[in-house]
Amino acid sequence: MNGADELLAKLQAAKDYLINDVPEVIGTEAVKHFKANFVNEGFDENKWAPRRTKVKLNKKILTGQGSGDHLSDSIDYKVEGNTITIYTDKLYAQIHNEGGEITVTPKMKKFFWAKSMEAKANGDPEAQEQYKWMALSKVIKIPKREFMGPSDQLNQQITDKITRDLNRITN
C-alpha cells in the first residue's frame, strides 16, 4: 500500500468513526457525566443544597432505597438519526433538576402521618418530627439540584475523547 492509499484508508476510517461511533460516544460520555453528578452531589462545580431533614442522613442526596431505584440509574440515551437524546423516565426528575413546589395532597398527608407514627414506634424523634411537619404542610419546596443540562465540562470531555479516538485512528 502506498502513502496515498494509506492516507485514504485512514480518512475513510475517521469518516466511519464520525458517522457510526461518535453518537454512541456522546451518549455514553453524557450518561457517565450526569451519573457522576449524583456521586459528587452537584452539577459540575455547583454543589447541591444540603438536606434540611435528618431523615436518611447517612445516604447521598437523591439516592433511592434499593438497587435500581436511584434516579441516577434511570439516566440513559438514545440515538435517532443525527439526534442524541439524554433522558430519564422518572416522573419526579424534573422537579429535582429544576426545583419547585409540590402541593401536599390528602393522600400524601395520610402517607406522611403513617411515616410519622412509624418513626415514633421506631424511636426516631427526628424522623417523626420531619414527617409530622410534611403532613401539616400545604406545600413542600424542592430545592434545585441540577444533575442534567448543558455543561461545558461535558462538552470538553466529549471533545477530548473524540480527539483521542481520531488521533488513534489516523496515526
Protein backbone atom coordinates (compact mmCIF):
# COMPACT_ATOMS: atom_id res chain seq x y z
CA MET A 1 0.00 0.00 0.00
CA ASN A 2 1.46 3.35 -0.99
CA GLY A 3 1.23 6.58 1.02
CA ALA A 4 -1.86 7.88 -0.79
CA ASP A 5 -3.74 4.61 -0.29
CA GLU A 6 -2.79 4.55 3.38
CA LEU A 7 -3.97 8.14 3.82
CA LEU A 8 -7.28 7.35 2.07
CA ALA A 9 -7.79 4.31 4.31
CA LYS A 10 -7.16 6.40 7.44
CA LEU A 11 -9.52 9.12 6.22
CA GLN A 12 -12.20 6.51 5.50
CA ALA A 13 -11.72 5.02 8.97
CA ALA A 14 -12.05 8.50 10.50
CA LYS A 15 -15.19 9.17 8.47
CA ASP A 16 -16.69 5.84 9.55
CA TYR A 17 -15.89 6.65 13.17
CA LEU A 18 -17.52 10.09 12.94
CA ILE A 19 -20.67 8.70 11.31
CA ASN A 20 -21.08 5.42 13.19
CA ASP A 21 -19.38 5.77 16.56
CA VAL A 22 -19.49 9.42 17.63
CA PRO A 23 -23.21 9.42 18.53
CA GLU A 24 -22.59 6.47 20.87
CA VAL A 25 -19.52 8.19 22.33
CA ILE A 26 -21.53 11.34 23.02
CA GLY A 27 -24.39 9.39 24.63
CA THR A 28 -22.07 7.26 26.76
CA GLU A 29 -19.99 10.22 27.92
CA ALA A 30 -23.11 12.25 28.77
CA VAL A 31 -24.67 9.44 30.81
CA LYS A 32 -21.39 8.89 32.71
CA HIS A 33 -21.07 12.62 33.37
CA PHE A 34 -24.63 13.06 34.61
CA LYS A 35 -24.45 9.95 36.82
CA ALA A 36 -21.22 11.28 38.34
CA ASN A 37 -23.14 14.36 39.47
CA PHE A 38 -25.01 12.15 41.96
CA VAL A 39 -21.75 10.84 43.40
CA ASN A 40 -20.37 14.40 43.62
CA GLU A 41 -23.71 15.78 44.88
CA GLY A 42 -23.58 18.69 42.47
CA PHE A 43 -23.72 19.75 38.85
CA ASP A 44 -20.23 20.34 37.53
CA GLU A 45 -18.76 22.80 40.05
CA ASN A 46 -22.09 23.75 41.68
CA LYS A 47 -22.75 21.76 44.85
CA TRP A 48 -26.36 20.88 45.72
CA ALA A 49 -28.13 22.43 48.69
CA PRO A 50 -27.80 20.16 51.73
CA ARG A 51 -30.77 18.28 53.09
CA ARG A 52 -32.89 20.12 55.61
CA THR A 53 -34.16 16.87 57.02
CA LYS A 54 -32.37 14.49 59.35
CA VAL A 55 -34.08 11.53 57.65
CA LYS A 56 -31.62 9.29 55.74
CA LEU A 57 -28.68 11.50 56.68
CA ASN A 58 -26.25 8.65 56.04
CA LYS A 59 -27.21 8.46 52.34
CA LYS A 60 -26.18 10.67 49.49
CA ILE A 61 -28.74 13.21 48.27
CA LEU A 62 -31.20 12.00 45.60
CA THR A 63 -30.45 8.32 46.05
CA GLY A 64 -33.18 5.71 46.36
CA GLN A 65 -33.81 2.83 48.68
CA GLY A 66 -32.59 -0.15 46.70
CA SER A 67 -30.59 -1.22 43.71
CA GLY A 68 -32.03 0.17 40.50
CA ASP A 69 -34.19 2.66 42.40
CA HIS A 70 -31.79 5.58 42.15
CA LEU A 71 -32.66 8.50 39.93
CA SER A 72 -29.14 8.27 38.56
CA ASP A 73 -29.78 4.71 37.37
CA SER A 74 -32.62 5.96 35.17
CA ILE A 75 -30.40 8.21 33.04
CA ASP A 76 -29.95 6.82 29.53
CA TYR A 77 -29.61 7.94 25.93
CA LYS A 78 -30.97 7.10 22.52
CA VAL A 79 -29.73 7.89 19.04
CA GLU A 80 -32.24 8.65 16.30
CA GLY A 81 -30.58 9.72 13.07
CA ASN A 82 -28.43 12.75 13.87
CA THR A 83 -30.14 13.38 17.21
CA ILE A 84 -28.85 12.11 20.55
CA THR A 85 -31.31 12.38 23.42
CA ILE A 86 -30.21 12.05 27.04
CA TYR A 87 -33.21 11.33 29.26
CA THR A 88 -34.66 9.87 32.43
CA ASP A 89 -38.05 8.18 32.67
CA LYS A 90 -38.56 9.11 36.33
CA LEU A 91 -41.55 11.43 36.67
CA TYR A 92 -40.02 13.26 39.64
CA ALA A 93 -36.72 14.00 37.86
CA GLN A 94 -37.71 17.42 36.54
CA ILE A 95 -38.66 18.90 39.91
CA HIS A 96 -35.36 17.80 41.42
CA ASN A 97 -33.37 19.06 38.43
CA GLU A 98 -35.13 22.45 38.26
CA GLY A 99 -36.55 22.87 41.77
CA GLY A 100 -40.12 23.83 42.52
CA GLU A 101 -43.06 23.32 44.81
CA ILE A 102 -45.26 20.29 45.43
CA THR A 103 -48.79 20.71 46.76
CA VAL A 104 -49.38 18.20 49.55
CA THR A 105 -52.44 16.12 48.67
CA PRO A 106 -54.69 14.30 51.15
CA LYS A 107 -53.10 11.01 50.07
CA MET A 108 -49.64 12.44 50.78
CA LYS A 109 -50.78 13.74 54.19
CA LYS A 110 -52.01 10.25 55.05
CA PHE A 111 -48.68 8.76 53.99
CA PHE A 112 -46.67 11.33 55.99
CA TRP A 113 -48.79 10.74 59.12
CA ALA A 114 -48.23 6.98 58.76
CA LYS A 115 -44.47 7.53 58.40
CA SER A 116 -44.52 9.84 61.44
CA MET A 117 -46.23 7.15 63.53
CA GLU A 118 -43.79 4.53 62.21
CA ALA A 119 -40.83 6.74 63.17
CA LYS A 120 -42.32 7.25 66.63
CA ALA A 121 -42.73 3.48 67.06
CA ASN A 122 -39.12 3.01 65.95
CA GLY A 123 -37.88 5.58 68.47
CA ASP A 124 -36.72 8.11 65.89
CA PRO A 125 -37.99 11.52 67.10
CA GLU A 126 -36.16 13.48 64.37
CA ALA A 127 -37.82 11.50 61.59
CA GLN A 128 -41.13 11.68 63.43
CA GLU A 129 -40.96 15.48 63.52
CA GLN A 130 -39.90 15.71 59.89
CA TYR A 131 -42.83 13.59 58.69
CA LYS A 132 -45.21 15.45 61.01
CA TRP A 133 -44.02 18.76 59.50
CA MET A 134 -44.59 17.36 56.00
CA ALA A 135 -48.08 16.12 56.92
CA LEU A 136 -49.02 19.56 58.24
CA SER A 137 -47.60 21.42 55.23
CA LYS A 138 -49.70 22.64 52.32
CA VAL A 139 -46.68 22.99 50.03
CA ILE A 140 -43.24 21.39 50.08
CA LYS A 141 -40.45 23.35 48.41
CA ILE A 142 -37.95 21.23 46.50
CA PRO A 143 -34.57 22.95 46.03
CA LYS A 144 -32.95 22.90 42.61
CA ARG A 145 -30.45 20.06 42.47
CA GLU A 146 -29.47 20.06 38.84
CA PHE A 147 -27.96 16.83 37.58
CA MET A 148 -28.61 17.14 33.83
CA GLY A 149 -28.28 20.07 31.45
CA PRO A 150 -25.83 21.97 29.27
CA SER A 151 -22.30 21.51 30.57
CA ASP A 152 -19.00 22.98 29.44
CA GLN A 153 -17.20 20.20 31.34
CA LEU A 154 -19.16 17.53 29.46
CA ASN A 155 -18.50 19.23 26.13
CA GLN A 156 -14.77 19.24 26.90
CA GLN A 157 -14.84 15.55 27.92
CA ILE A 158 -16.58 14.62 24.67
CA THR A 159 -14.16 16.72 22.61
CA ASP A 160 -11.16 15.15 24.35
CA LYS A 161 -12.49 11.60 23.82
CA ILE A 162 -13.24 12.16 20.12
CA THR A 163 -9.85 13.82 19.60
CA ARG A 164 -8.04 10.88 21.24
CA ASP A 165 -10.00 8.39 19.14
CA LEU A 166 -9.35 10.27 15.89
CA ASN A 167 -5.64 10.53 16.72
CA ARG A 168 -5.52 6.79 17.36
CA ILE A 169 -7.31 6.09 14.05
CA THR A 170 -5.20 8.43 11.92
CA ASN A 171 -1.74 7.66 13.41
